[in-house]
């Protein structure tokens, strides 16, 4: 129970809802022309890499995907923090009106009012992403970091906690335990989303992303030291592995004191 709740806490404290809900404002504050387009590309990447996670989940394993996910998110959050630290004059909520890049001025689907009305295929989004990055001079790092962040999240931190939760709970307690873990997840998601605007004023945008990065590094440490691999294992095998891990942890203080 504690392990499943810990994974839910890591998932939300990594800042995923803040990234999703404020990605357009983050890109605008980073100097990105047509921030809505950038945010749409970020969301398209999330859809594509969620599909990749479906294919890799039973091939690579839960622990590997979680480790890669946490490491990628930590590095991406540090990159965004570095950008804002080097551009202190920029605020997260910018009053400047975003400008559409010249090569998109006459491309109707990419206008802001239509950018949520369709899904961009992966090759199409990557093509325009390259053009977009080439056109940008100030905000390319923020866009690339957000894409790395959301791609990493979609590979592991997003789907694995929900799958792991269903694999470690016994059948007689699964409904209540999953409900409790879900309550923790969405309560923490609400807290992070509600407080993000105030937190970036108190801590600065760079400070917020440093915090998100530290949470992701903590998740990486948790995966390396505490999370068992559940791929291809029955419930009995998973429980036996968890019990052995618990016994080893309880015997360690006794041996050190002796």
C-alpha atoms as a PDB file:
ATOM      1  CA  UNK A   1       0.000   0.000   0.000  1.00  0.00           C
ATOM      2  CA  UNK A   2       2.738   2.425   0.983  1.00  0.00           C
ATOM      3  CA  UNK A   3       4.694   1.697  -2.198  1.00  0.00           C
ATOM      4  CA  UNK A   4       1.694   2.320  -4.460  1.00  0.00           C
ATOM      5  CA  UNK A   5       0.890   5.587  -2.668  1.00  0.00           C
ATOM      6  CA  UNK A   6       4.547   6.653  -2.921  1.00  0.00           C
ATOM      7  CA  UNK A   7       4.435   6.142  -6.693  1.00  0.00           C
ATOM      8  CA  UNK A   8       1.267   8.228  -6.914  1.00  0.00           C
ATOM      9  CA  UNK A   9       2.939  10.998  -4.913  1.00  0.00           C
ATOM     10  CA  UNK A  10       5.995  10.939  -7.155  1.00  0.00           C
ATOM     11  CA  UNK A  11       3.752  11.060 -10.219  1.00  0.00           C
ATOM     12  CA  UNK A  12       1.958  14.239  -9.153  1.00  0.00           C
ATOM     13  CA  UNK A  13       4.807  15.995  -7.319  1.00  0.00           C
ATOM     14  CA  UNK A  14       6.885  15.671 -10.476  1.00  0.00           C
ATOM     15  CA  UNK A  15       4.764  18.572 -11.752  1.00  0.00           C
ATOM     16  CA  UNK A  16       3.016  16.844 -14.635  1.00  0.00           C
ATOM     17  CA  UNK A  17      -0.289  18.701 -14.240  1.00  0.00           C
ATOM     18  CA  UNK A  18       1.523  22.016 -13.948  1.00  0.00           C
ATOM     19  CA  UNK A  19       3.368  21.209 -17.178  1.00  0.00           C
ATOM     20  CA  UNK A  20       0.185  20.207 -19.011  1.00  0.00           C
ATOM     21  CA  UNK A  21      -2.025  23.072 -17.838  1.00  0.00           C
ATOM     22  CA  UNK A  22       0.621  25.821 -18.065  1.00  0.00           C
ATOM     23  CA  UNK A  23       2.735  24.631 -20.994  1.00  0.00           C
ATOM     24  CA  UNK A  24       1.428  27.389 -23.259  1.00  0.00           C
ATOM     25  CA  UNK A  25       2.219  30.073 -20.670  1.00  0.00           C
ATOM     26  CA  UNK A  26       5.632  28.541 -19.985  1.00  0.00           C
ATOM     27  CA  UNK A  27       6.517  28.622 -23.676  1.00  0.00           C
ATOM     28  CA  UNK A  28       5.205  32.158 -24.015  1.00  0.00           C
ATOM     29  CA  UNK A  29       7.280  33.270 -21.031  1.00  0.00           C
ATOM     30  CA  UNK A  30      10.268  31.563 -22.630  1.00  0.00           C
ATOM     31  CA  UNK A  31       9.837  33.822 -25.647  1.00  0.00           C
ATOM     32  CA  UNK A  32       8.177  31.268 -27.906  1.00  0.00           C
ATOM     33  CA  UNK A  33       6.208  32.745 -30.764  1.00  0.00           C
ATOM     34  CA  UNK A  34       2.828  31.021 -31.070  1.00  0.00           C
ATOM     35  CA  UNK A  35       3.004  29.276 -27.702  1.00  0.00           C
ATOM     36  CA  UNK A  36      -0.281  27.490 -28.386  1.00  0.00           C
ATOM     37  CA  UNK A  37       1.356  25.670 -31.278  1.00  0.00           C
ATOM     38  CA  UNK A  38       4.246  24.639 -29.057  1.00  0.00           C
ATOM     39  CA  UNK A  39       1.840  23.364 -26.398  1.00  0.00           C
ATOM     40  CA  UNK A  40      -0.068  21.398 -29.050  1.00  0.00           C
ATOM     41  CA  UNK A  41       3.154  19.766 -30.217  1.00  0.00           C
ATOM     42  CA  UNK A  42       3.969  18.823 -26.620  1.00  0.00           C
ATOM     43  CA  UNK A  43       0.559  17.170 -26.231  1.00  0.00           C
ATOM     44  CA  UNK A  44       0.930  15.364 -29.557  1.00  0.00           C
ATOM     45  CA  UNK A  45       4.217  13.936 -28.326  1.00  0.00           C
ATOM     46  CA  UNK A  46       2.404  12.689 -25.214  1.00  0.00           C
ATOM     47  CA  UNK A  47      -0.078  10.766 -27.370  1.00  0.00           C
ATOM     48  CA  UNK A  48       2.686   9.232 -29.486  1.00  0.00           C
ATOM     49  CA  UNK A  49       4.872   8.141 -26.567  1.00  0.00           C
ATOM     50  CA  UNK A  50       1.915   6.702 -24.688  1.00  0.00           C
ATOM     51  CA  UNK A  51       1.549   4.353 -27.635  1.00  0.00           C
ATOM     52  CA  UNK A  52       5.257   3.540 -27.390  1.00  0.00           C
ATOM     53  CA  UNK A  53       4.786   2.711 -23.701  1.00  0.00           C
ATOM     54  CA  UNK A  54       2.004   0.262 -24.579  1.00  0.00           C
ATOM     55  CA  UNK A  55       4.417  -1.632 -26.829  1.00  0.00           C
ATOM     56  CA  UNK A  56       7.358  -1.569 -24.382  1.00  0.00           C
ATOM     57  CA  UNK A  57       5.523  -2.232 -21.116  1.00  0.00           C
ATOM     58  CA  UNK A  58       5.782  -6.038 -21.233  1.00  0.00           C
ATOM     59  CA  UNK A  59       9.090  -6.043 -23.082  1.00  0.00           C
ATOM     60  CA  UNK A  60      11.290  -3.623 -21.184  1.00  0.00           C
ATOM     61  CA  UNK A  61       9.652  -4.069 -17.782  1.00  0.00           C
ATOM     62  CA  UNK A  62       8.156  -1.651 -15.286  1.00  0.00           C
ATOM     63  CA  UNK A  63      11.338  -0.789 -13.393  1.00  0.00           C
ATOM     64  CA  UNK A  64      13.351   0.085 -16.496  1.00  0.00           C
ATOM     65  CA  UNK A  65      10.597   2.280 -17.905  1.00  0.00           C
ATOM     66  CA  UNK A  66      10.168   4.028 -14.555  1.00  0.00           C
ATOM     67  CA  UNK A  67      13.915   4.602 -14.218  1.00  0.00           C
ATOM     68  CA  UNK A  68      14.266   5.989 -17.752  1.00  0.00           C
ATOM     69  CA  UNK A  69      11.154   8.103 -17.234  1.00  0.00           C
ATOM     70  CA  UNK A  70      12.298   9.602 -13.934  1.00  0.00           C
ATOM     71  CA  UNK A  71      15.793  10.339 -15.259  1.00  0.00           C
ATOM     72  CA  UNK A  72      14.482  12.005 -18.413  1.00  0.00           C
ATOM     73  CA  UNK A  73      11.965  14.106 -16.483  1.00  0.00           C
ATOM     74  CA  UNK A  74      14.626  15.183 -13.988  1.00  0.00           C
ATOM     75  CA  UNK A  75      16.989  16.321 -16.741  1.00  0.00           C
ATOM     76  CA  UNK A  76      14.188  18.072 -18.631  1.00  0.00           C
ATOM     77  CA  UNK A  77      13.037  19.941 -15.530  1.00  0.00           C
ATOM     78  CA  UNK A  78      16.621  21.023 -14.863  1.00  0.00           C
ATOM     79  CA  UNK A  79      16.882  22.289 -18.445  1.00  0.00           C
ATOM     80  CA  UNK A  80      13.749  24.414 -18.026  1.00  0.00           C
ATOM     81  CA  UNK A  81      15.061  25.692 -14.696  1.00  0.00           C
ATOM     82  CA  UNK A  82      18.364  26.596 -16.329  1.00  0.00           C
ATOM     83  CA  UNK A  83      16.539  28.545 -19.034  1.00  0.00           C
ATOM     84  CA  UNK A  84      14.551  30.615 -16.561  1.00  0.00           C
ATOM     85  CA  UNK A  85      17.610  31.125 -14.354  1.00  0.00           C
ATOM     86  CA  UNK A  86      19.462  32.604 -17.343  1.00  0.00           C
ATOM     87  CA  UNK A  87      16.487  34.736 -18.384  1.00  0.00           C
ATOM     88  CA  UNK A  88      15.483  36.333 -15.107  1.00  0.00           C
ATOM     89  CA  UNK A  89      13.676  39.135 -16.841  1.00  0.00           C
ATOM     90  CA  UNK A  90      11.023  36.738 -18.110  1.00  0.00           C
ATOM     91  CA  UNK A  91       7.923  36.063 -16.032  1.00  0.00           C
ATOM     92  CA  UNK A  92       5.867  32.919 -16.271  1.00  0.00           C
ATOM     93  CA  UNK A  93       2.756  34.893 -17.210  1.00  0.00           C
ATOM     94  CA  UNK A  94       3.741  37.152 -20.058  1.00  0.00           C
ATOM     95  CA  UNK A  95       1.718  40.140 -21.174  1.00  0.00           C
ATOM     96  CA  UNK A  96       3.256  40.088 -24.638  1.00  0.00           C
ATOM     97  CA  UNK A  97       1.043  38.947 -27.464  1.00  0.00           C
ATOM     98  CA  UNK A  98       2.539  35.847 -29.118  1.00  0.00           C
ATOM     99  CA  UNK A  99       3.539  36.131 -32.752  1.00  0.00           C
ATOM    100  CA  UNK A 100       3.030  33.460 -35.355  1.00  0.00           C
ATOM    101  CA  UNK A 101       6.240  32.339 -37.115  1.00  0.00           C
ATOM    102  CA  UNK A 102       6.407  33.482 -40.764  1.00  0.00           C
ATOM    103  CA  UNK A 103       6.429  29.939 -42.166  1.00  0.00           C
ATOM    104  CA  UNK A 104       3.116  29.241 -40.365  1.00  0.00           C
ATOM    105  CA  UNK A 105       1.281  32.464 -41.146  1.00  0.00           C
ATOM    106  CA  UNK A 106      -0.583  30.992 -44.088  1.00  0.00           C
ATOM    107  CA  UNK A 107      -0.954  27.481 -42.706  1.00  0.00           C
ATOM    108  CA  UNK A 108      -4.544  27.421 -41.475  1.00  0.00           C
ATOM    109  CA  UNK A 109      -4.550  24.317 -39.206  1.00  0.00           C
ATOM    110  CA  UNK A 110      -1.781  25.751 -37.035  1.00  0.00           C
ATOM    111  CA  UNK A 111      -3.645  28.908 -36.110  1.00  0.00           C
ATOM    112  CA  UNK A 112      -4.410  29.071 -32.413  1.00  0.00           C
ATOM    113  CA  UNK A 113      -8.184  28.640 -32.775  1.00  0.00           C
ATOM    114  CA  UNK A 114      -7.739  25.329 -34.599  1.00  0.00           C
ATOM    115  CA  UNK A 115      -4.666  23.788 -32.957  1.00  0.00           C
ATOM    116  CA  UNK A 116      -6.713  21.569 -30.633  1.00  0.00           C
ATOM    117  CA  UNK A 117      -9.130  20.349 -33.315  1.00  0.00           C
ATOM    118  CA  UNK A 118      -6.881  17.570 -34.656  1.00  0.00           C
ATOM    119  CA  UNK A 119      -4.100  15.202 -33.659  1.00  0.00           C
ATOM    120  CA  UNK A 120      -0.774  15.557 -35.421  1.00  0.00           C
ATOM    121  CA  UNK A 121       0.827  12.304 -36.568  1.00  0.00           C
ATOM    122  CA  UNK A 122       4.240  11.728 -35.051  1.00  0.00           C
ATOM    123  CA  UNK A 123       6.291  12.277 -38.212  1.00  0.00           C
ATOM    124  CA  UNK A 124       4.293  15.421 -39.050  1.00  0.00           C
ATOM    125  CA  UNK A 125       4.773  16.929 -35.597  1.00  0.00           C
ATOM    126  CA  UNK A 126       8.498  16.157 -35.599  1.00  0.00           C
ATOM    127  CA  UNK A 127       8.890  17.796 -39.021  1.00  0.00           C
ATOM    128  CA  UNK A 128       7.227  21.021 -37.911  1.00  0.00           C
ATOM    129  CA  UNK A 129       9.019  20.825 -34.597  1.00  0.00           C
ATOM    130  CA  UNK A 130      12.348  20.968 -36.430  1.00  0.00           C
ATOM    131  CA  UNK A 131      11.176  23.979 -38.431  1.00  0.00           C
ATOM    132  CA  UNK A 132       9.833  25.611 -35.311  1.00  0.00           C
ATOM    133  CA  UNK A 133      13.092  25.129 -33.384  1.00  0.00           C
ATOM    134  CA  UNK A 134      15.129  26.433 -36.330  1.00  0.00           C
ATOM    135  CA  UNK A 135      12.931  29.521 -36.430  1.00  0.00           C
ATOM    136  CA  UNK A 136      13.158  30.210 -32.684  1.00  0.00           C
ATOM    137  CA  UNK A 137      16.178  31.872 -31.127  1.00  0.00           C
ATOM    138  CA  UNK A 138      15.112  32.273 -27.478  1.00  0.00           C
ATOM    139  CA  UNK A 139      12.655  29.549 -26.586  1.00  0.00           C
ATOM    140  CA  UNK A 140      13.959  26.406 -28.277  1.00  0.00           C
ATOM    141  CA  UNK A 141      15.452  25.037 -25.051  1.00  0.00           C
ATOM    142  CA  UNK A 142      12.170  25.347 -23.186  1.00  0.00           C
ATOM    143  CA  UNK A 143      10.248  23.630 -26.002  1.00  0.00           C
ATOM    144  CA  UNK A 144      12.760  20.795 -26.345  1.00  0.00           C
ATOM    145  CA  UNK A 145      12.840  20.330 -22.555  1.00  0.00           C
ATOM    146  CA  UNK A 146       9.052  20.185 -22.308  1.00  0.00           C
ATOM    147  CA  UNK A 147       8.949  17.612 -25.099  1.00  0.00           C
ATOM    148  CA  UNK A 148      11.591  15.519 -23.327  1.00  0.00           C
ATOM    149  CA  UNK A 149       9.655  15.858 -20.086  1.00  0.00           C
ATOM    150  CA  UNK A 150       6.279  14.812 -21.491  1.00  0.00           C
ATOM    151  CA  UNK A 151       7.797  11.992 -23.574  1.00  0.00           C
ATOM    152  CA  UNK A 152       9.605  10.629 -20.518  1.00  0.00           C
ATOM    153  CA  UNK A 153       6.452  10.892 -18.414  1.00  0.00           C
ATOM    154  CA  UNK A 154       4.408   9.029 -21.014  1.00  0.00           C
ATOM    155  CA  UNK A 155       6.920   6.177 -21.109  1.00  0.00           C
ATOM    156  CA  UNK A 156       6.860   5.321 -17.410  1.00  0.00           C
ATOM    157  CA  UNK A 157       5.786   7.776 -14.744  1.00  0.00           C
ATOM    158  CA  UNK A 158       2.338   8.133 -16.290  1.00  0.00           C
ATOM    159  CA  UNK A 159       1.174   4.540 -16.939  1.00  0.00           C
ATOM    160  CA  UNK A 160       3.334   2.418 -14.602  1.00  0.00           C
ATOM    161  CA  UNK A 161       1.911   3.553 -11.210  1.00  0.00           C
ATOM    162  CA  UNK A 162      -1.615   2.678 -12.332  1.00  0.00           C
ATOM    163  CA  UNK A 163      -0.532  -0.717 -13.662  1.00  0.00           C
ATOM    164  CA  UNK A 164       1.668  -1.422 -10.637  1.00  0.00           C
ATOM    165  CA  UNK A 165      -1.200  -0.616  -8.296  1.00  0.00           C
ATOM    166  CA  UNK A 166      -3.346  -3.344  -9.823  1.00  0.00           C
ATOM    167  CA  UNK A 167      -0.540  -5.912  -9.621  1.00  0.00           C
ATOM    168  CA  UNK A 168       0.531  -5.591  -5.972  1.00  0.00           C
ATOM    169  CA  UNK A 169      -2.831  -5.422  -4.189  1.00  0.00           C
ATOM    170  CA  UNK A 170      -4.635  -8.676  -3.255  1.00  0.00           C
ATOM    171  CA  UNK A 171      -8.055  -9.248  -4.770  1.00  0.00           C
ATOM    172  CA  UNK A 172      -9.973  -8.874  -1.490  1.00  0.00           C
ATOM    173  CA  UNK A 173      -8.456  -5.417  -0.807  1.00  0.00           C
ATOM    174  CA  UNK A 174      -7.843  -4.185  -4.339  1.00  0.00           C
ATOM    175  CA  UNK A 175     -10.948  -2.000  -4.678  1.00  0.00           C
ATOM    176  CA  UNK A 176     -10.405  -0.090  -1.431  1.00  0.00           C
ATOM    177  CA  UNK A 177      -6.644   0.140  -1.830  1.00  0.00           C
ATOM    178  CA  UNK A 178      -6.887   1.378  -5.421  1.00  0.00           C
ATOM    179  CA  UNK A 179      -9.532   3.914  -4.391  1.00  0.00           C
ATOM    180  CA  UNK A 180      -7.289   5.231  -1.620  1.00  0.00           C
ATOM    181  CA  UNK A 181      -4.294   5.497  -3.949  1.00  0.00           C
ATOM    182  CA  UNK A 182      -6.424   7.271  -6.563  1.00  0.00           C
ATOM    183  CA  UNK A 183      -7.658   9.717  -3.936  1.00  0.00           C
ATOM    184  CA  UNK A 184      -4.061  10.516  -3.000  1.00  0.00           C
ATOM    185  CA  UNK A 185      -3.154  10.945  -6.665  1.00  0.00           C
ATOM    186  CA  UNK A 186      -5.894  13.397  -7.576  1.00  0.00           C
ATOM    187  CA  UNK A 187      -5.705  15.274  -4.279  1.00  0.00           C
ATOM    188  CA  UNK A 188      -2.002  15.877  -4.832  1.00  0.00           C
ATOM    189  CA  UNK A 189      -2.655  16.769  -8.471  1.00  0.00           C
ATOM    190  CA  UNK A 190      -5.167  19.399  -7.368  1.00  0.00           C
ATOM    191  CA  UNK A 191      -2.729  20.774  -4.793  1.00  0.00           C
ATOM    192  CA  UNK A 192       0.126  21.063  -7.297  1.00  0.00           C
ATOM    193  CA  UNK A 193      -2.063  22.683  -9.953  1.00  0.00           C
ATOM    194  CA  UNK A 194      -3.723  25.067  -7.506  1.00  0.00           C
ATOM    195  CA  UNK A 195      -0.455  26.192  -5.922  1.00  0.00           C
ATOM    196  CA  UNK A 196       1.761  26.349  -9.024  1.00  0.00           C
ATOM    197  CA  UNK A 197       0.912  29.937  -9.898  1.00  0.00           C
ATOM    198  CA  UNK A 198       1.684  31.090  -6.357  1.00  0.00           C
ATOM    199  CA  UNK A 199       4.746  28.863  -6.083  1.00  0.00           C
ATOM    200  CA  UNK A 200       6.378  30.354  -9.161  1.00  0.00           C
ATOM    201  CA  UNK A 201       5.971  33.801  -7.629  1.00  0.00           C
ATOM    202  CA  UNK A 202       7.457  32.713  -4.293  1.00  0.00           C
ATOM    203  CA  UNK A 203      10.171  30.401  -5.621  1.00  0.00           C
ATOM    204  CA  UNK A 204      10.570  31.841  -9.142  1.00  0.00           C
ATOM    205  CA  UNK A 205       9.894  29.616 -12.181  1.00  0.00           C
ATOM    206  CA  UNK A 206      13.449  28.260 -11.995  1.00  0.00           C
ATOM    207  CA  UNK A 207      12.935  27.254  -8.364  1.00  0.00           C
ATOM    208  CA  UNK A 208       9.721  25.411  -9.201  1.00  0.00           C
ATOM    209  CA  UNK A 209      11.398  23.341 -11.882  1.00  0.00           C
ATOM    210  CA  UNK A 210      14.370  22.608  -9.634  1.00  0.00           C
ATOM    211  CA  UNK A 211      11.869  21.216  -7.116  1.00  0.00           C
ATOM    212  CA  UNK A 212      10.228  19.081  -9.823  1.00  0.00           C
ATOM    213  CA  UNK A 213      13.659  17.821 -10.847  1.00  0.00           C
ATOM    214  CA  UNK A 214      14.543  16.867  -7.267  1.00  0.00           C
ATOM    215  CA  UNK A 215      11.278  14.932  -6.969  1.00  0.00           C
ATOM    216  CA  UNK A 216      12.111  13.026 -10.156  1.00  0.00           C
ATOM    217  CA  UNK A 217      15.617  12.235  -8.896  1.00  0.00           C
ATOM    218  CA  UNK A 218      14.010  10.996  -5.681  1.00  0.00           C
ATOM    219  CA  UNK A 219      11.719   8.780  -7.733  1.00  0.00           C
ATOM    220  CA  UNK A 220      14.742   7.383  -9.586  1.00  0.00           C
ATOM    221  CA  UNK A 221      16.352   6.507  -6.259  1.00  0.00           C
ATOM    222  CA  UNK A 222      13.092   4.908  -5.089  1.00  0.00           C
ATOM    223  CA  UNK A 223      12.889   2.766  -8.225  1.00  0.00           C
ATOM    224  CA  UNK A 224      16.509   1.660  -7.885  1.00  0.00           C
ATOM    225  CA  UNK A 225      16.254   0.685  -4.223  1.00  0.00           C
ATOM    226  CA  UNK A 226      12.642  -0.254  -3.428  1.00  0.00           C
ATOM    227  CA  UNK A 227      10.490  -0.960  -6.473  1.00  0.00           C
ATOM    228  CA  UNK A 228      10.226  -4.630  -7.487  1.00  0.00           C
ATOM    229  CA  UNK A 229       9.890  -5.790 -11.072  1.00  0.00           C
ATOM    230  CA  UNK A 230       6.396  -7.174 -11.698  1.00  0.00           C
ATOM    231  CA  UNK A 231       6.657  -8.021 -15.390  1.00  0.00           C
ATOM    232  CA  UNK A 232       5.610 -11.609 -16.063  1.00  0.00           C
ATOM    233  CA  UNK A 233       5.142 -12.443 -12.375  1.00  0.00           C
ATOM    234  CA  UNK A 234       2.114 -13.747 -10.545  1.00  0.00           C
ATOM    235  CA  UNK A 235       0.676 -12.016  -7.503  1.00  0.00           C
ATOM    236  CA  UNK A 236       2.215 -14.670  -5.238  1.00  0.00           C
ATOM    237  CA  UNK A 237       5.674 -14.133  -6.719  1.00  0.00           C
ATOM    238  CA  UNK A 238       5.399 -10.363  -6.295  1.00  0.00           C
ATOM    239  CA  UNK A 239       4.285 -10.711  -2.665  1.00  0.00           C
ATOM    240  CA  UNK A 240       7.117 -13.140  -1.906  1.00  0.00           C
ATOM    241  CA  UNK A 241       9.643 -10.689  -3.355  1.00  0.00           C
ATOM    242  CA  UNK A 242       8.176  -7.825  -1.328  1.00  0.00           C
ATOM    243  CA  UNK A 243       8.323  -9.909   1.854  1.00  0.00           C
ATOM    244  CA  UNK A 244      11.968 -10.805   1.247  1.00  0.00           C
ATOM    245  CA  UNK A 245      12.723  -7.139   0.654  1.00  0.00           C
ATOM    246  CA  UNK A 246      10.933  -6.189   3.873  1.00  0.00           C
ATOM    247  CA  UNK A 247      12.803  -8.848   5.862  1.00  0.00           C
ATOM    248  CA  UNK A 248      16.143  -7.673   4.487  1.00  0.00           C
ATOM    249  CA  UNK A 249      15.302  -4.102   5.457  1.00  0.00           C
ATOM    250  CA  UNK A 250      14.256  -5.095   8.991  1.00  0.00           C
ATOM    251  CA  UNK A 251      17.365  -7.240   9.528  1.00  0.00           C
ATOM    252  CA  UNK A 252      19.760  -4.502   8.423  1.00  0.00           C
ATOM    253  CA  UNK A 253      19.395  -2.303  11.570  1.00  0.00           C
ATOM    254  CA  UNK A 254      19.698  -5.374  13.816  1.00  0.00           C
ATOM    255  CA  UNK A 255      22.933  -6.478  12.183  1.00  0.00           C
ATOM    256  CA  UNK A 256      24.404  -3.000  12.350  1.00  0.00           C
ATOM    257  CA  UNK A 257      23.584  -2.636  16.060  1.00  0.00           C
ATOM    258  CA  UNK A 258      25.126  -6.039  16.832  1.00  0.00           C
END
